[in-house]
Amino acid sequence: MITISKRAAAALVIAASFAPVLFAAAFMGADWLWQAPLSPRVLMVAVTASLATLLIRLRQKRVAGGQVTSRTLLEEIRGDALGFLLPGALIVLVTFPSAAFSVIKAGIPAYVPFYADLFFVQADRWLFFGVDPWRVSHALLGTWGTIAIDRLYVLWFTLFPFLAIWIGASRDRSFQFRGVMAVYFVLIVLGNILALALSSSGPIFYEYFFGSDYYDPLIARLAEANETYPITALRIADWLIEVNRTSAFGSGISAMPSVHCGFAVLTFLMVRERVRARWARWAAGAYALAIWIGSFHLAWHYAWDGIVSAVLVLLAWRALGRIEVRKSTPREEFPSA
């Protein structure tokens, strides 16, 4: 076990927050890089994180038999003012590498042209015994299964702020540090460094970048489902092509490794370790599996993209678990039903 001080932990988090922004601003440029973390949406999530911290502590006081009044509320805030401000500050800090991730991702083809797709097409067929993974999933799920998994896939963008609030609102500084650095690992190591090294576009952009109709049958399946109910994956793919090689927030094309799968697996690992309710662990595990299936079912990724992400996130989570922040408060379970 490695023990570090709170100041050292804070310094590492701040350094990891701004390093990718400085890199992106220096080499790629984007005027909004410094504005995005202070946008109304981010500030709203930050304030929510601090309010959630207060509500969780008041709930714990009530469960312990204490009374909750306006006086106890003020005493709670005065007693640990920094503890209530810290969650919001962490939310804002996380937004900096998130913005840089988008800029760097958009610039990948300019520095390392997509080259790995041809390998991953064959690797996927090998993994599924000579069959493309999407053919198996579409045969099993059908049209309505495609619609359902598309909804689950985009649901993550709604769930992510709650993950950030959970990490930021924790009193356990070791867990807080571990959670933030794990998020940075997914964004920076998986989403930027390895994405550059393993530059690939993914099945949904295969024809656009390689001029091959290999994945046309998969796109046709998605188009059929789209006639029954709008498939978000197709709309987002069209938008990404439209803003290709721009620095617009959320733009950028990259398949290997899957950041989406990485965050889903990270959420599962956090829930498995911190939540007592068995149903929550099963739900988090099932959702991570659904995200992996959806990643190739919806043509965003090759099956290997999610597998590589899952293995690396697991290793990173275990490694970060060996770091303890000195004088952290006793472990505190996340409220469960």
Protein backbone atom coordinates (compact mmCIF):
# COMPACT_ATOMS: atom_id res chain seq x y z
CA MET A 1 0.00 0.00 0.00
CA ILE A 2 1.27 3.47 -0.92
CA THR A 3 0.21 6.31 1.38
CA ILE A 4 0.12 9.91 0.17
CA SER A 5 -0.98 13.12 1.84
CA LYS A 6 -4.15 15.01 0.95
CA ARG A 7 -2.01 17.76 -0.55
CA ALA A 8 -0.15 15.28 -2.74
CA ALA A 9 -3.44 13.75 -3.86
CA ALA A 10 -4.84 17.19 -4.68
CA ALA A 11 -1.68 18.11 -6.60
CA LEU A 12 -1.87 14.92 -8.67
CA VAL A 13 -5.54 15.49 -9.49
CA ILE A 14 -4.94 19.11 -10.49
CA ALA A 15 -1.91 18.18 -12.60
CA ALA A 16 -3.85 15.41 -14.36
CA SER A 17 -6.73 17.84 -14.92
CA PHE A 18 -4.72 20.53 -16.69
CA ALA A 19 -1.95 18.57 -18.45
CA PRO A 20 -4.15 17.34 -21.35
CA VAL A 21 -5.71 20.80 -21.71
CA LEU A 22 -2.31 22.42 -22.03
CA PHE A 23 -1.27 19.78 -24.57
CA ALA A 24 -4.45 20.20 -26.62
CA ALA A 25 -4.26 23.99 -26.53
CA ALA A 26 -0.58 24.02 -27.51
CA PHE A 27 -0.74 21.58 -30.41
CA MET A 28 -4.35 21.68 -31.63
CA GLY A 29 -5.90 24.86 -30.32
CA ALA A 30 -9.51 25.42 -29.28
CA ASP A 31 -10.82 28.67 -27.86
CA TRP A 32 -13.59 26.98 -25.89
CA LEU A 33 -11.22 24.64 -24.00
CA TRP A 34 -11.11 27.00 -21.03
CA GLN A 35 -14.77 27.98 -21.28
CA ALA A 36 -16.41 24.53 -21.31
CA PRO A 37 -15.69 23.72 -17.61
CA LEU A 38 -17.42 26.96 -16.59
CA SER A 39 -20.52 26.46 -18.75
CA PRO A 40 -23.94 26.70 -17.05
CA ARG A 41 -24.49 22.93 -17.40
CA VAL A 42 -21.20 22.04 -15.70
CA LEU A 43 -21.74 24.58 -12.92
CA MET A 44 -25.23 23.18 -12.35
CA VAL A 45 -23.81 19.67 -11.93
CA ALA A 46 -21.12 21.05 -9.61
CA VAL A 47 -23.69 22.77 -7.39
CA THR A 48 -25.80 19.58 -7.44
CA ALA A 49 -22.77 17.59 -6.24
CA SER A 50 -22.32 19.87 -3.24
CA LEU A 51 -26.05 19.78 -2.43
CA ALA A 52 -26.04 15.98 -2.76
CA THR A 53 -23.19 15.83 -0.26
CA LEU A 54 -25.22 17.84 2.23
CA LEU A 55 -28.37 15.73 1.73
CA ILE A 56 -26.44 12.46 2.14
CA ARG A 57 -24.92 13.62 5.41
CA LEU A 58 -28.25 14.88 6.74
CA ARG A 59 -29.83 11.54 5.83
CA GLN A 60 -27.07 9.73 7.71
CA LYS A 61 -27.64 11.95 10.73
CA ARG A 62 -31.37 11.19 10.65
CA VAL A 63 -30.73 7.43 10.29
CA ALA A 64 -28.40 7.64 13.30
CA GLY A 65 -31.26 9.07 15.34
CA GLY A 66 -30.27 12.72 15.25
CA GLN A 67 -32.60 15.62 14.58
CA VAL A 68 -32.33 17.64 11.40
CA THR A 69 -33.17 21.31 11.86
CA SER A 70 -32.03 24.57 10.33
CA ARG A 71 -29.53 24.86 13.19
CA THR A 72 -28.02 21.42 12.61
CA LEU A 73 -27.90 22.23 8.90
CA LEU A 74 -25.80 25.33 9.54
CA GLU A 75 -23.60 23.44 12.01
CA GLU A 76 -23.01 20.73 9.43
CA ILE A 77 -21.95 23.25 6.81
CA ARG A 78 -19.73 25.26 9.19
CA GLY A 79 -18.13 22.09 10.52
CA ASP A 80 -16.88 20.98 7.10
CA ALA A 81 -17.25 23.83 4.62
CA LEU A 82 -14.37 22.53 2.49
CA GLY A 83 -15.98 19.10 2.37
CA PHE A 84 -19.09 20.60 0.76
CA LEU A 85 -17.16 22.76 -1.72
CA LEU A 86 -14.79 19.97 -2.78
CA PRO A 87 -17.36 17.87 -4.72
CA GLY A 88 -18.31 20.82 -6.93
CA ALA A 89 -14.65 21.70 -7.46
CA LEU A 90 -13.90 18.13 -8.55
CA ILE A 91 -16.77 18.19 -11.05
CA VAL A 92 -15.34 21.34 -12.64
CA LEU A 93 -11.82 19.86 -12.69
CA VAL A 94 -13.02 16.66 -14.41
CA THR A 95 -14.50 18.78 -17.20
CA PHE A 96 -11.05 20.09 -18.22
CA PRO A 97 -9.61 16.72 -19.34
CA SER A 98 -13.05 15.86 -20.78
CA ALA A 99 -12.85 18.92 -23.05
CA ALA A 100 -9.24 18.14 -23.98
CA PHE A 101 -10.23 14.54 -24.73
CA SER A 102 -12.68 15.78 -27.35
CA VAL A 103 -10.11 18.05 -29.02
CA ILE A 104 -7.33 15.45 -29.08
CA LYS A 105 -9.72 12.75 -30.31
CA ALA A 106 -10.81 14.97 -33.20
CA GLY A 107 -7.16 15.41 -34.22
CA ILE A 108 -6.22 11.71 -34.23
CA PRO A 109 -6.48 11.14 -38.04
CA ALA A 110 -4.26 14.17 -38.73
CA TYR A 111 -1.43 12.74 -36.61
CA VAL A 112 -1.99 8.99 -37.01
CA PRO A 113 -4.23 8.13 -39.99
CA PHE A 114 -6.66 5.29 -39.36
CA TYR A 115 -4.76 2.07 -40.02
CA ALA A 116 -5.83 -0.59 -37.52
CA ASP A 117 -9.37 -1.26 -38.81
CA LEU A 118 -8.30 -3.94 -41.27
CA PHE A 119 -6.66 -5.89 -38.47
CA PHE A 120 -9.61 -5.59 -36.08
CA VAL A 121 -12.09 -6.74 -38.73
CA GLN A 122 -10.20 -10.03 -38.95
CA ALA A 123 -9.59 -10.18 -35.19
CA ASP A 124 -13.35 -9.89 -34.57
CA ARG A 125 -14.07 -12.74 -36.96
CA TRP A 126 -11.45 -14.86 -35.20
CA LEU A 127 -13.01 -14.04 -31.81
CA PHE A 128 -16.45 -15.21 -32.99
CA PHE A 129 -15.19 -18.32 -34.81
CA GLY A 130 -15.26 -16.90 -38.33
CA VAL A 131 -18.43 -14.80 -38.01
CA ASP A 132 -18.74 -11.05 -37.61
CA PRO A 133 -19.91 -10.29 -34.03
CA TRP A 134 -22.76 -8.06 -35.18
CA ARG A 135 -24.31 -10.91 -37.17
CA VAL A 136 -24.66 -12.92 -33.96
CA SER A 137 -26.12 -10.06 -31.91
CA HIS A 138 -28.58 -8.97 -34.62
CA ALA A 139 -29.75 -12.55 -35.13
CA LEU A 140 -30.46 -12.83 -31.39
CA LEU A 141 -31.87 -9.35 -30.67
CA GLY A 142 -33.80 -8.43 -33.82
CA THR A 143 -35.32 -5.01 -34.51
CA TRP A 144 -36.76 -4.26 -31.08
CA GLY A 145 -33.60 -5.50 -29.40
CA THR A 146 -31.66 -3.03 -31.54
CA ILE A 147 -33.96 -0.21 -30.46
CA ALA A 148 -33.63 -1.19 -26.79
CA ILE A 149 -29.85 -1.44 -26.86
CA ASP A 150 -29.61 1.90 -28.67
CA ARG A 151 -31.59 3.49 -25.82
CA LEU A 152 -29.35 1.83 -23.23
CA TYR A 153 -26.24 2.96 -25.06
CA VAL A 154 -27.14 6.66 -25.04
CA LEU A 155 -28.50 6.43 -21.48
CA TRP A 156 -24.90 6.53 -20.30
CA PHE A 157 -24.61 10.23 -21.14
CA THR A 158 -27.38 10.86 -18.60
CA LEU A 159 -25.86 8.57 -15.97
CA PHE A 160 -22.32 9.95 -16.13
CA PRO A 161 -23.08 13.14 -14.12
CA PHE A 162 -24.41 10.94 -11.31
CA LEU A 163 -21.14 8.97 -11.33
CA ALA A 164 -19.23 12.24 -11.07
CA ILE A 165 -21.46 13.41 -8.21
CA TRP A 166 -21.00 10.09 -6.39
CA ILE A 167 -17.21 10.41 -6.56
CA GLY A 168 -17.21 14.08 -5.64
CA ALA A 169 -19.63 13.75 -2.73
CA SER A 170 -17.75 10.94 -0.96
CA ARG A 171 -16.07 11.67 2.37
CA ASP A 172 -13.59 8.89 1.72
CA ARG A 173 -10.63 10.78 0.23
CA SER A 174 -8.95 7.54 -0.90
CA PHE A 175 -12.04 6.50 -2.85
CA GLN A 176 -12.44 10.04 -4.16
CA PHE A 177 -8.85 10.11 -5.42
CA ARG A 178 -9.17 6.61 -6.87
CA GLY A 179 -12.41 7.45 -8.65
CA VAL A 180 -11.18 10.71 -10.18
CA MET A 181 -7.89 9.21 -11.35
CA ALA A 182 -9.74 6.21 -12.81
CA VAL A 183 -11.96 8.59 -14.80
CA TYR A 184 -8.83 10.37 -16.02
CA PHE A 185 -7.30 7.01 -16.97
CA VAL A 186 -10.28 6.28 -19.22
CA LEU A 187 -10.25 9.75 -20.79
CA ILE A 188 -6.53 10.28 -21.19
CA VAL A 189 -4.91 6.85 -21.46
CA LEU A 190 -7.69 4.99 -23.27
CA GLY A 191 -9.37 7.88 -25.07
CA ASN A 192 -6.28 9.74 -26.23
CA ILE A 193 -2.95 7.92 -25.85
CA LEU A 194 -4.05 4.43 -26.90
CA ALA A 195 -6.54 5.85 -29.40
CA LEU A 196 -3.62 7.55 -31.12
CA ALA A 197 -1.47 4.42 -30.99
CA LEU A 198 -4.26 2.15 -32.28
CA SER A 199 -5.89 4.64 -34.63
CA SER A 200 -9.11 3.17 -36.04
CA SER A 201 -12.49 4.53 -37.14
CA GLY A 202 -14.93 1.70 -36.41
CA PRO A 203 -17.47 -0.17 -38.57
CA ILE A 204 -19.96 2.69 -38.89
CA PHE A 205 -17.32 4.85 -40.63
CA TYR A 206 -15.60 2.00 -42.46
CA GLU A 207 -16.95 2.87 -45.91
CA TYR A 208 -16.36 6.60 -45.42
CA PHE A 209 -12.67 6.19 -44.60
CA PHE A 210 -11.75 2.99 -46.46
CA GLY A 211 -14.17 2.98 -49.39
CA SER A 212 -15.31 -0.56 -48.63
CA ASP A 213 -18.93 -1.75 -48.40
CA TYR A 214 -18.01 -4.58 -46.00
CA TYR A 215 -20.27 -3.24 -43.23
CA ASP A 216 -23.13 -2.15 -45.49
CA PRO A 217 -25.31 -5.10 -44.32
CA LEU A 218 -24.88 -3.95 -40.71
CA ILE A 219 -25.77 -0.35 -41.56
CA ALA A 220 -28.79 -1.68 -43.48
CA ARG A 221 -29.97 -3.55 -40.35
CA LEU A 222 -29.70 -0.35 -38.34
CA ALA A 223 -31.59 1.55 -41.04
CA GLU A 224 -34.40 -1.03 -40.91
CA ALA A 225 -34.70 -0.57 -37.16
CA ASN A 226 -34.61 3.20 -37.68
CA GLU A 227 -37.82 2.93 -39.74
CA THR A 228 -39.57 1.50 -36.67
CA TYR A 229 -38.03 3.88 -34.11
CA PRO A 230 -35.25 6.51 -34.53
CA ILE A 231 -31.83 5.00 -33.91
CA THR A 232 -29.64 7.56 -32.17
CA ALA A 233 -26.43 5.93 -33.37
CA LEU A 234 -27.21 6.80 -36.98
CA ARG A 235 -27.97 10.45 -36.18
CA ILE A 236 -24.80 10.87 -34.12
CA ALA A 237 -22.72 9.18 -36.82
CA ASP A 238 -24.07 11.61 -39.44
CA TRP A 239 -23.23 14.54 -37.17
CA LEU A 240 -19.69 13.24 -36.54
CA ILE A 241 -19.08 12.97 -40.28
CA GLU A 242 -20.39 16.51 -40.72
CA VAL A 243 -18.03 17.98 -38.09
CA ASN A 244 -15.16 15.60 -38.86
CA ARG A 245 -11.75 17.11 -38.04
CA THR A 246 -13.18 20.05 -36.17
CA SER A 247 -12.64 20.81 -32.51
CA ALA A 248 -16.34 20.98 -31.66
CA PHE A 249 -17.12 19.61 -28.20
CA GLY A 250 -18.09 15.94 -28.48
CA SER A 251 -16.64 15.56 -31.97
CA GLY A 252 -13.90 13.14 -32.97
CA ILE A 253 -13.89 9.61 -34.35
CA SER A 254 -12.05 6.75 -32.69
CA ALA A 255 -12.84 3.07 -32.15
CA MET A 256 -10.03 1.31 -30.26
CA PRO A 257 -10.21 1.25 -27.30
CA SER A 258 -13.81 1.99 -26.32
CA VAL A 259 -14.17 4.84 -23.84
CA HIS A 260 -17.89 4.05 -23.56
CA CYS A 261 -17.16 0.49 -22.46
CA GLY A 262 -14.36 1.71 -20.22
CA PHE A 263 -16.70 3.94 -18.23
CA ALA A 264 -19.37 1.23 -18.03
CA VAL A 265 -16.84 -1.23 -16.60
CA LEU A 266 -15.49 1.40 -14.20
CA THR A 267 -19.03 2.03 -12.93
CA PHE A 268 -19.52 -1.70 -12.38
CA LEU A 269 -16.24 -1.94 -10.42
CA MET A 270 -17.23 1.00 -8.23
CA VAL A 271 -20.69 -0.38 -7.55
CA ARG A 272 -19.32 -3.86 -6.83
CA GLU A 273 -16.93 -2.45 -4.25
CA ARG A 274 -19.03 0.28 -2.65
CA VAL A 275 -22.68 -0.75 -2.81
CA ARG A 276 -24.04 -3.49 -0.58
CA ALA A 277 -27.24 -4.21 -2.49
CA ARG A 278 -26.77 -7.29 -4.64
CA TRP A 279 -29.35 -6.16 -7.19
CA ALA A 280 -27.33 -2.99 -7.83
CA ARG A 281 -24.19 -5.03 -8.54
CA TRP A 282 -26.07 -7.29 -10.94
CA ALA A 283 -27.66 -4.28 -12.65
CA ALA A 284 -24.29 -2.54 -13.08
CA GLY A 285 -22.73 -5.73 -14.45
CA ALA A 286 -25.61 -6.33 -16.85
CA TYR A 287 -25.43 -2.73 -18.05
CA ALA A 288 -21.68 -3.00 -18.70
CA LEU A 289 -22.31 -6.18 -20.72
CA ALA A 290 -25.11 -4.45 -22.66
CA ILE A 291 -22.81 -1.54 -23.47
CA TRP A 292 -20.18 -3.93 -24.83
CA ILE A 293 -22.74 -5.75 -26.99
CA GLY A 294 -24.19 -2.44 -28.10
CA SER A 295 -20.74 -1.15 -29.06
CA PHE A 296 -20.47 -3.60 -31.98
CA HIS A 297 -24.20 -4.18 -32.48
CA LEU A 298 -24.65 -0.46 -33.27
CA ALA A 299 -21.48 -0.41 -35.43
CA TRP A 300 -19.55 2.00 -33.20
CA HIS A 301 -16.78 -0.43 -32.31
CA TYR A 302 -15.13 -3.73 -32.98
CA ALA A 303 -15.74 -6.33 -30.28
CA TRP A 304 -12.09 -6.15 -29.24
CA ASP A 305 -12.40 -2.44 -28.45
CA GLY A 306 -14.55 -3.14 -25.40
CA ILE A 307 -12.52 -6.16 -24.29
CA VAL A 308 -9.26 -4.19 -24.29
CA SER A 309 -10.93 -1.35 -22.38
CA ALA A 310 -12.39 -3.70 -19.76
CA VAL A 311 -9.04 -5.38 -19.06
CA LEU A 312 -7.12 -2.11 -18.82
CA VAL A 313 -9.73 -0.42 -16.60
CA LEU A 314 -9.71 -3.43 -14.27
CA LEU A 315 -5.91 -3.29 -14.00
CA ALA A 316 -5.95 0.48 -13.44
CA TRP A 317 -8.68 0.23 -10.77
CA ARG A 318 -6.70 -2.39 -8.88
CA ALA A 319 -3.48 -0.40 -9.14
CA LEU A 320 -5.17 2.78 -7.90
CA GLY A 321 -6.64 0.76 -5.02
CA ARG A 322 -3.12 0.42 -3.64
CA ILE A 323 -2.93 4.17 -3.05
CA GLU A 324 -4.33 5.48 0.22
CA VAL A 325 -4.84 9.15 1.03
CA ARG A 326 -3.64 9.81 4.57
CA LYS A 327 -6.23 10.77 7.22
CA SER A 328 -9.19 9.80 5.08
CA THR A 329 -12.45 9.32 6.94
CA PRO A 330 -13.80 5.80 7.51
CA ARG A 331 -15.25 4.10 4.48
CA GLU A 332 -18.75 5.23 3.76
CA GLU A 333 -21.19 3.13 1.79
CA PHE A 334 -23.23 4.75 -0.95
CA PRO A 335 -26.93 4.80 0.06
CA SER A 336 -28.82 1.88 -1.43
CA ALA A 337 -32.41 0.81 -1.50
